[in-house]
Amino acid sequence: MNVDKAKKRIAKQVKKGFHGYPLVSLEYFGKANSGKTPDAASEVVISYTEEEGAEPQKQTFASGGDAREDETIQSTLLKIIERADAKTVTEIDGISTVRES
């Protein structure tokens, strides 16, 4: 699937707002360059929560480039959302900073 098409379909799900569980959440992470905010997302974490109060199941996808522009990753995220029959999809705005260990 085309990366723009996958991103558009994910964005459409996010715009719907909260409609109950199951809930899927997306958060992008990147490495900050000299204390600044990241320019590219090197990984994305997708969290699946079956019901309120349940522990979320998480999976991480890493990219050599920007995960937001990676066709394989975006198509996979969309398939996970569809197969989970998620009633709510949320996305953390921007790119969070990866903590260096």
PDB file of N, CA and C in Angstrom:
ATOM      1  N   MET A   1       0.846  -1.179   0.000  1.00  0.00           N
ATOM      2  CA  MET A   1       0.000   0.000   0.000  1.00  0.00           C
ATOM      3  C   MET A   1       0.895   1.247   0.000  1.00  0.00           C
ATOM      4  N   ASN A   2       0.473   2.249  -0.678  1.00  0.00           N
ATOM      5  CA  ASN A   2       1.174   3.523  -0.747  1.00  0.00           C
ATOM      6  C   ASN A   2       1.269   4.146   0.650  1.00  0.00           C
ATOM      7  N   VAL A   3       2.436   4.697   1.002  1.00  0.00           N
ATOM      8  CA  VAL A   3       2.648   5.269   2.336  1.00  0.00           C
ATOM      9  C   VAL A   3       1.667   6.409   2.627  1.00  0.00           C
ATOM     10  N   ASP A   4       1.391   7.257   1.642  1.00  0.00           N
ATOM     11  CA  ASP A   4       0.460   8.366   1.860  1.00  0.00           C
ATOM     12  C   ASP A   4      -0.955   7.863   2.125  1.00  0.00           C
ATOM     13  N   LYS A   5      -1.354   6.823   1.414  1.00  0.00           N
ATOM     14  CA  LYS A   5      -2.681   6.245   1.594  1.00  0.00           C
ATOM     15  C   LYS A   5      -2.808   5.633   2.995  1.00  0.00           C
ATOM     16  N   ALA A   6      -1.773   4.916   3.435  1.00  0.00           N
ATOM     17  CA  ALA A   6      -1.790   4.300   4.764  1.00  0.00           C
ATOM     18  C   ALA A   6      -1.854   5.390   5.845  1.00  0.00           C
ATOM     19  N   LYS A   7      -1.033   6.441   5.693  1.00  0.00           N
ATOM     20  CA  LYS A   7      -1.020   7.529   6.669  1.00  0.00           C
ATOM     21  C   LYS A   7      -2.377   8.230   6.726  1.00  0.00           C
ATOM     22  N   LYS A   8      -2.998   8.402   5.572  1.00  0.00           N
ATOM     23  CA  LYS A   8      -4.294   9.069   5.507  1.00  0.00           C
ATOM     24  C   LYS A   8      -5.370   8.239   6.211  1.00  0.00           C
ATOM     25  N   ARG A   9      -5.326   6.923   6.028  1.00  0.00           N
ATOM     26  CA  ARG A   9      -6.311   6.050   6.664  1.00  0.00           C
ATOM     27  C   ARG A   9      -6.116   5.991   8.175  1.00  0.00           C
ATOM     28  N   ILE A  10      -4.859   6.023   8.622  1.00  0.00           N
ATOM     29  CA  ILE A  10      -4.587   6.053  10.061  1.00  0.00           C
ATOM     30  C   ILE A  10      -5.085   7.383  10.642  1.00  0.00           C
ATOM     31  N   ALA A  11      -4.779   8.494   9.962  1.00  0.00           N
ATOM     32  CA  ALA A  11      -5.205   9.820  10.429  1.00  0.00           C
ATOM     33  C   ALA A  11      -6.725   9.909  10.533  1.00  0.00           C
ATOM     34  N   LYS A  12      -7.415   9.285   9.610  1.00  0.00           N
ATOM     35  CA  LYS A  12      -8.881   9.284   9.631  1.00  0.00           C
ATOM     36  C   LYS A  12      -9.397   8.578  10.887  1.00  0.00           C
ATOM     37  N   GLN A  13      -8.759   7.472  11.258  1.00  0.00           N
ATOM     38  CA  GLN A  13      -9.135   6.745  12.471  1.00  0.00           C
ATOM     39  C   GLN A  13      -8.874   7.605  13.714  1.00  0.00           C
ATOM     40  N   VAL A  14      -7.738   8.295  13.734  1.00  0.00           N
ATOM     41  CA  VAL A  14      -7.366   9.140  14.875  1.00  0.00           C
ATOM     42  C   VAL A  14      -8.372  10.279  15.048  1.00  0.00           C
ATOM     43  N   LYS A  15      -8.797  10.884  13.942  1.00  0.00           N
ATOM     44  CA  LYS A  15      -9.716  12.028  13.987  1.00  0.00           C
ATOM     45  C   LYS A  15     -11.091  11.675  14.539  1.00  0.00           C
ATOM     46  N   LYS A  16     -11.454  10.407  14.513  1.00  0.00           N
ATOM     47  CA  LYS A  16     -12.773   9.989  15.001  1.00  0.00           C
ATOM     48  C   LYS A  16     -12.948  10.226  16.503  1.00  0.00           C
ATOM     49  N   GLY A  17     -11.822  10.241  17.235  1.00  0.00           N
ATOM     50  CA  GLY A  17     -11.906  10.455  18.676  1.00  0.00           C
ATOM     51  C   GLY A  17     -12.194   9.166  19.438  1.00  0.00           C
ATOM     52  N   PHE A  18     -12.506   9.305  20.731  1.00  0.00           N
ATOM     53  CA  PHE A  18     -12.694   8.141  21.601  1.00  0.00           C
ATOM     54  C   PHE A  18     -14.077   7.536  21.403  1.00  0.00           C
ATOM     55  N   HIS A  19     -14.082   6.226  21.095  1.00  0.00           N
ATOM     56  CA  HIS A  19     -15.332   5.488  20.915  1.00  0.00           C
ATOM     57  C   HIS A  19     -15.320   4.197  21.712  1.00  0.00           C
ATOM     58  N   GLY A  20     -14.486   4.136  22.744  1.00  0.00           N
ATOM     59  CA  GLY A  20     -14.432   2.948  23.593  1.00  0.00           C
ATOM     60  C   GLY A  20     -13.249   2.052  23.259  1.00  0.00           C
ATOM     61  N   TYR A  21     -13.305   0.864  23.806  1.00  0.00           N
ATOM     62  CA  TYR A  21     -12.229  -0.120  23.652  1.00  0.00           C
ATOM     63  C   TYR A  21     -12.654  -1.201  22.683  1.00  0.00           C
ATOM     64  N   PRO A  22     -11.706  -1.877  22.065  1.00  0.00           N
ATOM     65  CA  PRO A  22     -10.256  -1.815  22.173  1.00  0.00           C
ATOM     66  C   PRO A  22      -9.689  -0.503  21.639  1.00  0.00           C
ATOM     67  N   LEU A  23      -8.551  -0.112  22.243  1.00  0.00           N
ATOM     68  CA  LEU A  23      -7.880   1.135  21.921  1.00  0.00           C
ATOM     69  C   LEU A  23      -6.470   0.840  21.409  1.00  0.00           C
ATOM     70  N   VAL A  24      -6.097   1.508  20.332  1.00  0.00           N
ATOM     71  CA  VAL A  24      -4.744   1.401  19.790  1.00  0.00           C
ATOM     72  C   VAL A  24      -4.126   2.789  19.853  1.00  0.00           C
ATOM     73  N   SER A  25      -2.898   2.862  20.373  1.00  0.00           N
ATOM     74  CA  SER A  25      -2.193   4.133  20.497  1.00  0.00           C
ATOM     75  C   SER A  25      -0.852   4.052  19.769  1.00  0.00           C
ATOM     76  N   LEU A  26      -0.491   5.127  19.074  1.00  0.00           N
ATOM     77  CA  LEU A  26       0.772   5.209  18.350  1.00  0.00           C
ATOM     78  C   LEU A  26       1.625   6.328  18.927  1.00  0.00           C
ATOM     79  N   GLU A  27       2.914   6.044  19.121  1.00  0.00           N
ATOM     80  CA  GLU A  27       3.838   7.083  19.564  1.00  0.00           C
ATOM     81  C   GLU A  27       5.155   6.914  18.823  1.00  0.00           C
ATOM     82  N   TYR A  28       5.621   8.004  18.231  1.00  0.00           N
ATOM     83  CA  TYR A  28       6.865   8.001  17.459  1.00  0.00           C
ATOM     84  C   TYR A  28       8.012   8.519  18.316  1.00  0.00           C
ATOM     85  N   PHE A  29       9.180   7.911  18.160  1.00  0.00           N
ATOM     86  CA  PHE A  29      10.371   8.290  18.917  1.00  0.00           C
ATOM     87  C   PHE A  29      11.529   8.571  17.970  1.00  0.00           C
ATOM     88  N   GLY A  30      12.385   9.496  18.374  1.00  0.00           N
ATOM     89  CA  GLY A  30      13.579   9.813  17.606  1.00  0.00           C
ATOM     90  C   GLY A  30      14.675  10.282  18.536  1.00  0.00           C
ATOM     91  N   LYS A  31      15.887  10.310  18.035  1.00  0.00           N
ATOM     92  CA  LYS A  31      17.028  10.776  18.818  1.00  0.00           C
ATOM     93  C   LYS A  31      17.188  12.278  18.619  1.00  0.00           C
ATOM     94  N   ALA A  32      17.321  12.976  19.736  1.00  0.00           N
ATOM     95  CA  ALA A  32      17.480  14.431  19.685  1.00  0.00           C
ATOM     96  C   ALA A  32      18.913  14.781  19.297  1.00  0.00           C
ATOM     97  N   ASN A  33      19.044  15.738  18.423  1.00  0.00           N
ATOM     98  CA  ASN A  33      20.365  16.223  18.013  1.00  0.00           C
ATOM     99  C   ASN A  33      20.734  17.428  18.864  1.00  0.00           C
ATOM    100  N   SER A  34      21.780  17.307  19.649  1.00  0.00           N
ATOM    101  CA  SER A  34      22.289  18.355  20.543  1.00  0.00           C
ATOM    102  C   SER A  34      21.190  19.063  21.339  1.00  0.00           C
ATOM    103  N   GLY A  35      20.366  18.255  22.014  1.00  0.00           N
ATOM    104  CA  GLY A  35      19.362  18.800  22.915  1.00  0.00           C
ATOM    105  C   GLY A  35      18.094  19.319  22.264  1.00  0.00           C
ATOM    106  N   LYS A  36      18.031  19.302  20.948  1.00  0.00           N
ATOM    107  CA  LYS A  36      16.843  19.790  20.245  1.00  0.00           C
ATOM    108  C   LYS A  36      15.825  18.662  20.099  1.00  0.00           C
ATOM    109  N   THR A  37      14.669  19.019  19.607  1.00  0.00           N
ATOM    110  CA  THR A  37      13.668  17.987  19.348  1.00  0.00           C
ATOM    111  C   THR A  37      14.082  17.201  18.104  1.00  0.00           C
ATOM    112  N   PRO A  38      13.735  15.925  18.050  1.00  0.00           N
ATOM    113  CA  PRO A  38      14.123  15.094  16.906  1.00  0.00           C
ATOM    114  C   PRO A  38      13.465  15.562  15.609  1.00  0.00           C
ATOM    115  N   ASP A  39      14.195  15.394  14.504  1.00  0.00           N
ATOM    116  CA  ASP A  39      13.664  15.743  13.183  1.00  0.00           C
ATOM    117  C   ASP A  39      12.984  14.548  12.525  1.00  0.00           C
ATOM    118  N   ALA A  40      13.437  13.337  12.881  1.00  0.00           N
ATOM    119  CA  ALA A  40      12.905  12.125  12.260  1.00  0.00           C
ATOM    120  C   ALA A  40      12.588  11.100  13.344  1.00  0.00           C
ATOM    121  N   ALA A  41      11.593  10.276  13.081  1.00  0.00           N
ATOM    122  CA  ALA A  41      11.205   9.226  14.013  1.00  0.00           C
ATOM    123  C   ALA A  41      11.902   7.935  13.610  1.00  0.00           C
ATOM    124  N   SER A  42      12.804   7.477  14.454  1.00  0.00           N
ATOM    125  CA  SER A  42      13.535   6.247  14.144  1.00  0.00           C
ATOM    126  C   SER A  42      12.742   5.002  14.526  1.00  0.00           C
ATOM    127  N   GLU A  43      11.733   5.173  15.379  1.00  0.00           N
ATOM    128  CA  GLU A  43      10.893   4.035  15.754  1.00  0.00           C
ATOM    129  C   GLU A  43       9.494   4.488  16.135  1.00  0.00           C
ATOM    130  N   VAL A  44       8.583   3.528  16.115  1.00  0.00           N
ATOM    131  CA  VAL A  44       7.201   3.775  16.525  1.00  0.00           C
ATOM    132  C   VAL A  44       6.792   2.647  17.464  1.00  0.00           C
ATOM    133  N   VAL A  45       6.069   3.020  18.519  1.00  0.00           N
ATOM    134  CA  VAL A  45       5.543   2.034  19.460  1.00  0.00           C
ATOM    135  C   VAL A  45       4.030   2.040  19.306  1.00  0.00           C
ATOM    136  N   ILE A  46       3.476   0.862  19.032  1.00  0.00           N
ATOM    137  CA  ILE A  46       2.028   0.715  18.937  1.00  0.00           C
ATOM    138  C   ILE A  46       1.573  -0.047  20.181  1.00  0.00           C
ATOM    139  N   SER A  47       0.574   0.509  20.869  1.00  0.00           N
ATOM    140  CA  SER A  47       0.046  -0.100  22.088  1.00  0.00           C
ATOM    141  C   SER A  47      -1.404  -0.506  21.847  1.00  0.00           C
ATOM    142  N   TYR A  48      -1.750  -1.700  22.318  1.00  0.00           N
ATOM    143  CA  TYR A  48      -3.116  -2.222  22.184  1.00  0.00           C
ATOM    144  C   TYR A  48      -3.675  -2.452  23.580  1.00  0.00           C
ATOM    145  N   THR A  49      -4.812  -1.840  23.877  1.00  0.00           N
ATOM    146  CA  THR A  49      -5.475  -2.023  25.163  1.00  0.00           C
ATOM    147  C   THR A  49      -6.870  -2.588  24.905  1.00  0.00           C
ATOM    148  N   GLU A  50      -7.119  -3.792  25.404  1.00  0.00           N
ATOM    149  CA  GLU A  50      -8.385  -4.507  25.166  1.00  0.00           C
ATOM    150  C   GLU A  50      -9.562  -3.830  25.864  1.00  0.00           C
ATOM    151  N   GLU A  51      -9.371  -3.459  27.136  1.00  0.00           N
ATOM    152  CA  GLU A  51     -10.461  -2.862  27.900  1.00  0.00           C
ATOM    153  C   GLU A  51      -9.894  -1.906  28.940  1.00  0.00           C
ATOM    154  N   GLU A  52     -10.764  -1.068  29.489  1.00  0.00           N
ATOM    155  CA  GLU A  52     -10.341  -0.086  30.477  1.00  0.00           C
ATOM    156  C   GLU A  52      -9.669  -0.770  31.661  1.00  0.00           C
ATOM    157  N   GLY A  53      -8.521  -0.262  32.059  1.00  0.00           N
ATOM    158  CA  GLY A  53      -7.790  -0.810  33.197  1.00  0.00           C
ATOM    159  C   GLY A  53      -6.863  -1.964  32.852  1.00  0.00           C
ATOM    160  N   ALA A  54      -6.953  -2.466  31.624  1.00  0.00           N
ATOM    161  CA  ALA A  54      -6.097  -3.590  31.201  1.00  0.00           C
ATOM    162  C   ALA A  54      -4.698  -3.090  30.890  1.00  0.00           C
ATOM    163  N   GLU A  55      -3.714  -3.955  31.075  1.00  0.00           N
ATOM    164  CA  GLU A  55      -2.321  -3.627  30.755  1.00  0.00           C
ATOM    165  C   GLU A  55      -2.162  -3.611  29.230  1.00  0.00           C
ATOM    166  N   PRO A  56      -1.624  -2.518  28.669  1.00  0.00           N
ATOM    167  CA  PRO A  56      -1.468  -2.469  27.207  1.00  0.00           C
ATOM    168  C   PRO A  56      -0.379  -3.418  26.708  1.00  0.00           C
ATOM    169  N   GLN A  57      -0.619  -3.996  25.544  1.00  0.00           N
ATOM    170  CA  GLN A  57       0.387  -4.799  24.860  1.00  0.00           C
ATOM    171  C   GLN A  57       1.090  -3.861  23.894  1.00  0.00           C
ATOM    172  N   LYS A  58       2.435  -3.898  23.893  1.00  0.00           N
ATOM    173  CA  LYS A  58       3.185  -2.955  23.069  1.00  0.00           C
ATOM    174  C   LYS A  58       4.099  -3.681  22.106  1.00  0.00           C
ATOM    175  N   GLN A  59       4.265  -3.073  20.938  1.00  0.00           N
ATOM    176  CA  GLN A  59       5.199  -3.586  19.944  1.00  0.00           C
ATOM    177  C   GLN A  59       5.918  -2.389  19.328  1.00  0.00           C
ATOM    178  N   THR A  60       7.224  -2.549  19.123  1.00  0.00           N
ATOM    179  CA  THR A  60       8.047  -1.483  18.566  1.00  0.00           C
ATOM    180  C   THR A  60       8.518  -1.844  17.168  1.00  0.00           C
ATOM    181  N   PHE A  61       8.450  -0.877  16.269  1.00  0.00           N
ATOM    182  CA  PHE A  61       8.965  -1.030  14.910  1.00  0.00           C
ATOM    183  C   PHE A  61      10.043   0.025  14.708  1.00  0.00           C
ATOM    184  N   ALA A  62      11.201  -0.389  14.232  1.00  0.00           N
ATOM    185  CA  ALA A  62      12.316   0.537  14.007  1.00  0.00           C
ATOM    186  C   ALA A  62      12.559   0.712  12.516  1.00  0.00           C
ATOM    187  N   SER A  63      13.061   1.895  12.168  1.00  0.00           N
ATOM    188  CA  SER A  63      13.336   2.214  10.778  1.00  0.00           C
ATOM    189  C   SER A  63      14.723   2.833  10.666  1.00  0.00           C
ATOM    190  N   GLY A  64      15.405   2.551   9.570  1.00  0.00           N
ATOM    191  CA  GLY A  64      16.700   3.175   9.318  1.00  0.00           C
ATOM    192  C   GLY A  64      16.544   4.635   8.945  1.00  0.00           C
ATOM    193  N   GLY A  65      15.354   5.007   8.475  1.00  0.00           N
ATOM    194  CA  GLY A  65      15.048   6.395   8.122  1.00  0.00           C
ATOM    195  C   GLY A  65      13.977   6.926   9.058  1.00  0.00           C
ATOM    196  N   ASP A  66      12.978   7.577   8.500  1.00  0.00           N
ATOM    197  CA  ASP A  66      11.875   8.125   9.277  1.00  0.00           C
ATOM    198  C   ASP A  66      10.723   7.120   9.243  1.00  0.00           C
ATOM    199  N   ALA A  67      10.350   6.595  10.403  1.00  0.00           N
ATOM    200  CA  ALA A  67       9.287   5.596  10.500  1.00  0.00           C
ATOM    201  C   ALA A  67       7.949   6.133   9.991  1.00  0.00           C
ATOM    202  N   ARG A  68       7.776   7.451  10.054  1.00  0.00           N
ATOM    203  CA  ARG A  68       6.522   8.050   9.583  1.00  0.00           C
ATOM    204  C   ARG A  68       6.402   8.001   8.065  1.00  0.00           C
ATOM    205  N   GLU A  69       7.541   7.834   7.382  1.00  0.00           N
ATOM    206  CA  GLU A  69       7.555   7.793   5.922  1.00  0.00           C
ATOM    207  C   GLU A  69       7.910   6.402   5.390  1.00  0.00           C
ATOM    208  N   ASP A  70       7.983   5.409   6.268  1.00  0.00           N
ATOM    209  CA  ASP A  70       8.321   4.044   5.886  1.00  0.00           C
ATOM    210  C   ASP A  70       7.047   3.300   5.471  1.00  0.00           C
ATOM    211  N   GLU A  71       6.962   2.965   4.202  1.00  0.00           N
ATOM    212  CA  GLU A  71       5.753   2.338   3.654  1.00  0.00           C
ATOM    213  C   GLU A  71       5.418   1.030   4.357  1.00  0.00           C
ATOM    214  N   THR A  72       6.413   0.206   4.619  1.00  0.00           N
ATOM    215  CA  THR A  72       6.183  -1.084   5.272  1.00  0.00           C
ATOM    216  C   THR A  72       5.631  -0.892   6.678  1.00  0.00           C
ATOM    217  N   ILE A  73       6.231   0.008   7.435  1.00  0.00           N
ATOM    218  CA  ILE A  73       5.778   0.250   8.815  1.00  0.00           C
ATOM    219  C   ILE A  73       4.366   0.824   8.832  1.00  0.00           C
ATOM    220  N   GLN A  74       4.094   1.829   8.017  1.00  0.00           N
ATOM    221  CA  GLN A  74       2.766   2.450   8.010  1.00  0.00           C
ATOM    222  C   GLN A  74       1.686   1.453   7.576  1.00  0.00           C
ATOM    223  N   SER A  75       1.988   0.618   6.590  1.00  0.00           N
ATOM    224  CA  SER A  75       1.026  -0.400   6.149  1.00  0.00           C
ATOM    225  C   SER A  75       0.780  -1.432   7.247  1.00  0.00           C
ATOM    226  N   THR A  76       1.853  -1.801   7.963  1.00  0.00           N
ATOM    227  CA  THR A  76       1.732  -2.761   9.057  1.00  0.00           C
ATOM    228  C   THR A  76       0.893  -2.181  10.195  1.00  0.00           C
ATOM    229  N   LEU A  77       1.122  -0.923  10.537  1.00  0.00           N
ATOM    230  CA  LEU A  77       0.329  -0.283  11.595  1.00  0.00           C
ATOM    231  C   LEU A  77      -1.149  -0.283  11.230  1.00  0.00           C
ATOM    232  N   LEU A  78      -1.451   0.043   9.992  1.00  0.00           N
ATOM    233  CA  LEU A  78      -2.834   0.059   9.537  1.00  0.00           C
ATOM    234  C   LEU A  78      -3.456  -1.331   9.631  1.00  0.00           C
ATOM    235  N   LYS A  79      -2.724  -2.364   9.223  1.00  0.00           N
ATOM    236  CA  LYS A  79      -3.242  -3.735   9.304  1.00  0.00           C
ATOM    237  C   LYS A  79      -3.499  -4.147  10.747  1.00  0.00           C
ATOM    238  N   ILE A  80      -2.609  -3.757  11.657  1.00  0.00           N
ATOM    239  CA  ILE A  80      -2.811  -4.073  13.074  1.00  0.00           C
ATOM    240  C   ILE A  80      -4.086  -3.405  13.590  1.00  0.00           C
ATOM    241  N   ILE A  81      -4.268  -2.140  13.254  1.00  0.00           N
ATOM    242  CA  ILE A  81      -5.463  -1.403  13.679  1.00  0.00           C
ATOM    243  C   ILE A  81      -6.729  -2.088  13.161  1.00  0.00           C
ATOM    244  N   GLU A  82      -6.719  -2.453  11.878  1.00  0.00           N
ATOM    245  CA  GLU A  82      -7.892  -3.085  11.276  1.00  0.00           C
ATOM    246  C   GLU A  82      -8.161  -4.463  11.863  1.00  0.00           C
ATOM    247  N   ARG A  83      -7.120  -5.274  12.033  1.00  0.00           N
ATOM    248  CA  ARG A  83      -7.301  -6.632  12.554  1.00  0.00           C
ATOM    249  C   ARG A  83      -7.695  -6.645  14.029  1.00  0.00           C
ATOM    250  N   ALA A  84      -7.286  -5.621  14.769  1.00  0.00           N
ATOM    251  CA  ALA A  84      -7.644  -5.521  16.186  1.00  0.00           C
ATOM    252  C   ALA A  84      -9.081  -5.041  16.357  1.00  0.00           C
ATOM    253  N   ASP A  85      -9.680  -4.595  15.264  1.00  0.00           N
ATOM    254  CA  ASP A  85     -11.028  -4.032  15.285  1.00  0.00           C
ATOM    255  C   ASP A  85     -11.109  -2.920  16.337  1.00  0.00           C
ATOM    256  N   ALA A  86     -10.093  -2.051  16.337  1.00  0.00           N
ATOM    257  CA  ALA A  86      -9.996  -0.972  17.320  1.00  0.00           C
ATOM    258  C   ALA A  86     -11.140   0.017  17.152  1.00  0.00           C
ATOM    259  N   LYS A  87     -11.784   0.339  18.258  1.00  0.00           N
ATOM    260  CA  LYS A  87     -12.859   1.329  18.229  1.00  0.00           C
ATOM    261  C   LYS A  87     -12.282   2.733  18.374  1.00  0.00           C
ATOM    262  N   THR A  88     -11.097   2.819  18.986  1.00  0.00           N
ATOM    263  CA  THR A  88     -10.434   4.102  19.182  1.00  0.00           C
ATOM    264  C   THR A  88      -8.961   3.981  18.777  1.00  0.00           C
ATOM    265  N   VAL A  89      -8.476   4.974  18.040  1.00  0.00           N
ATOM    266  CA  VAL A  89      -7.063   5.043  17.677  1.00  0.00           C
ATOM    267  C   VAL A  89      -6.561   6.422  18.101  1.00  0.00           C
ATOM    268  N   THR A  90      -5.489   6.439  18.880  1.00  0.00           N
ATOM    269  CA  THR A  90      -4.896   7.706  19.298  1.00  0.00           C
ATOM    270  C   THR A  90      -3.460   7.771  18.804  1.00  0.00           C
ATOM    271  N   GLU A  91      -2.978   8.993  18.664  1.00  0.00           N
ATOM    272  CA  GLU A  91      -1.597   9.191  18.234  1.00  0.00           C
ATOM    273  C   GLU A  91      -1.021  10.357  19.026  1.00  0.00           C
ATOM    274  N   ILE A  92       0.134  10.139  19.643  1.00  0.00           N
ATOM    275  CA  ILE A  92       0.813  11.204  20.379  1.00  0.00           C
ATOM    276  C   ILE A  92       1.394  12.163  19.345  1.00  0.00           C
ATOM    277  N   ASP A  93       1.077  13.447  19.476  1.00  0.00           N
ATOM    278  CA  ASP A  93       1.569  14.450  18.521  1.00  0.00           C
ATOM    279  C   ASP A  93       3.086  14.595  18.586  1.00  0.00           C
ATOM    280  N   GLY A  94       3.679  14.792  17.439  1.00  0.00           N
ATOM    281  CA  GLY A  94       5.112  15.043  17.358  1.00  0.00           C
ATOM    282  C   GLY A  94       5.932  13.790  17.561  1.00  0.00           C
ATOM    283  N   ILE A  95       7.205  14.008  17.882  1.00  0.00           N
ATOM    284  CA  ILE A  95       8.149  12.911  18.070  1.00  0.00           C
ATOM    285  C   ILE A  95       8.710  13.012  19.481  1.00  0.00           C
ATOM    286  N   SER A  96       8.554  11.960  20.252  1.00  0.00           N
ATOM    287  CA  SER A  96       9.118  11.916  21.597  1.00  0.00           C
ATOM    288  C   SER A  96      10.604  11.591  21.488  1.00  0.00           C
ATOM    289  N   THR A  97      11.359  12.003  22.491  1.00  0.00           N
ATOM    290  CA  THR A  97      12.798  11.767  22.486  1.00  0.00           C
ATOM    291  C   THR A  97      13.118  10.391  23.040  1.00  0.00           C
ATOM    292  N   VAL A  98      13.951   9.661  22.324  1.00  0.00           N
ATOM    293  CA  VAL A  98      14.401   8.345  22.780  1.00  0.00           C
ATOM    294  C   VAL A  98      15.369   8.579  23.926  1.00  0.00           C
ATOM    295  N   ARG A  99      15.176   7.837  24.997  1.00  0.00           N
ATOM    296  CA  ARG A  99      16.095   7.952  26.139  1.00  0.00           C
ATOM    297  C   ARG A  99      17.308   7.097  25.867  1.00  0.00           C
ATOM    298  N   GLU A 100      18.467   7.703  25.946  1.00  0.00           N
ATOM    299  CA  GLU A 100      19.725   6.982  25.753  1.00  0.00           C
ATOM    300  C   GLU A 100      20.046   6.218  27.024  1.00  0.00           C
ATOM    301  N   SER A 101      20.464   4.938  26.885  1.00  0.00           N
ATOM    302  CA  SER A 101      20.785   4.161  28.083  1.00  0.00           C
ATOM    303  C   SER A 101      22.266   4.090  28.336  1.00  0.00           C
TER     304      SER A 101
END
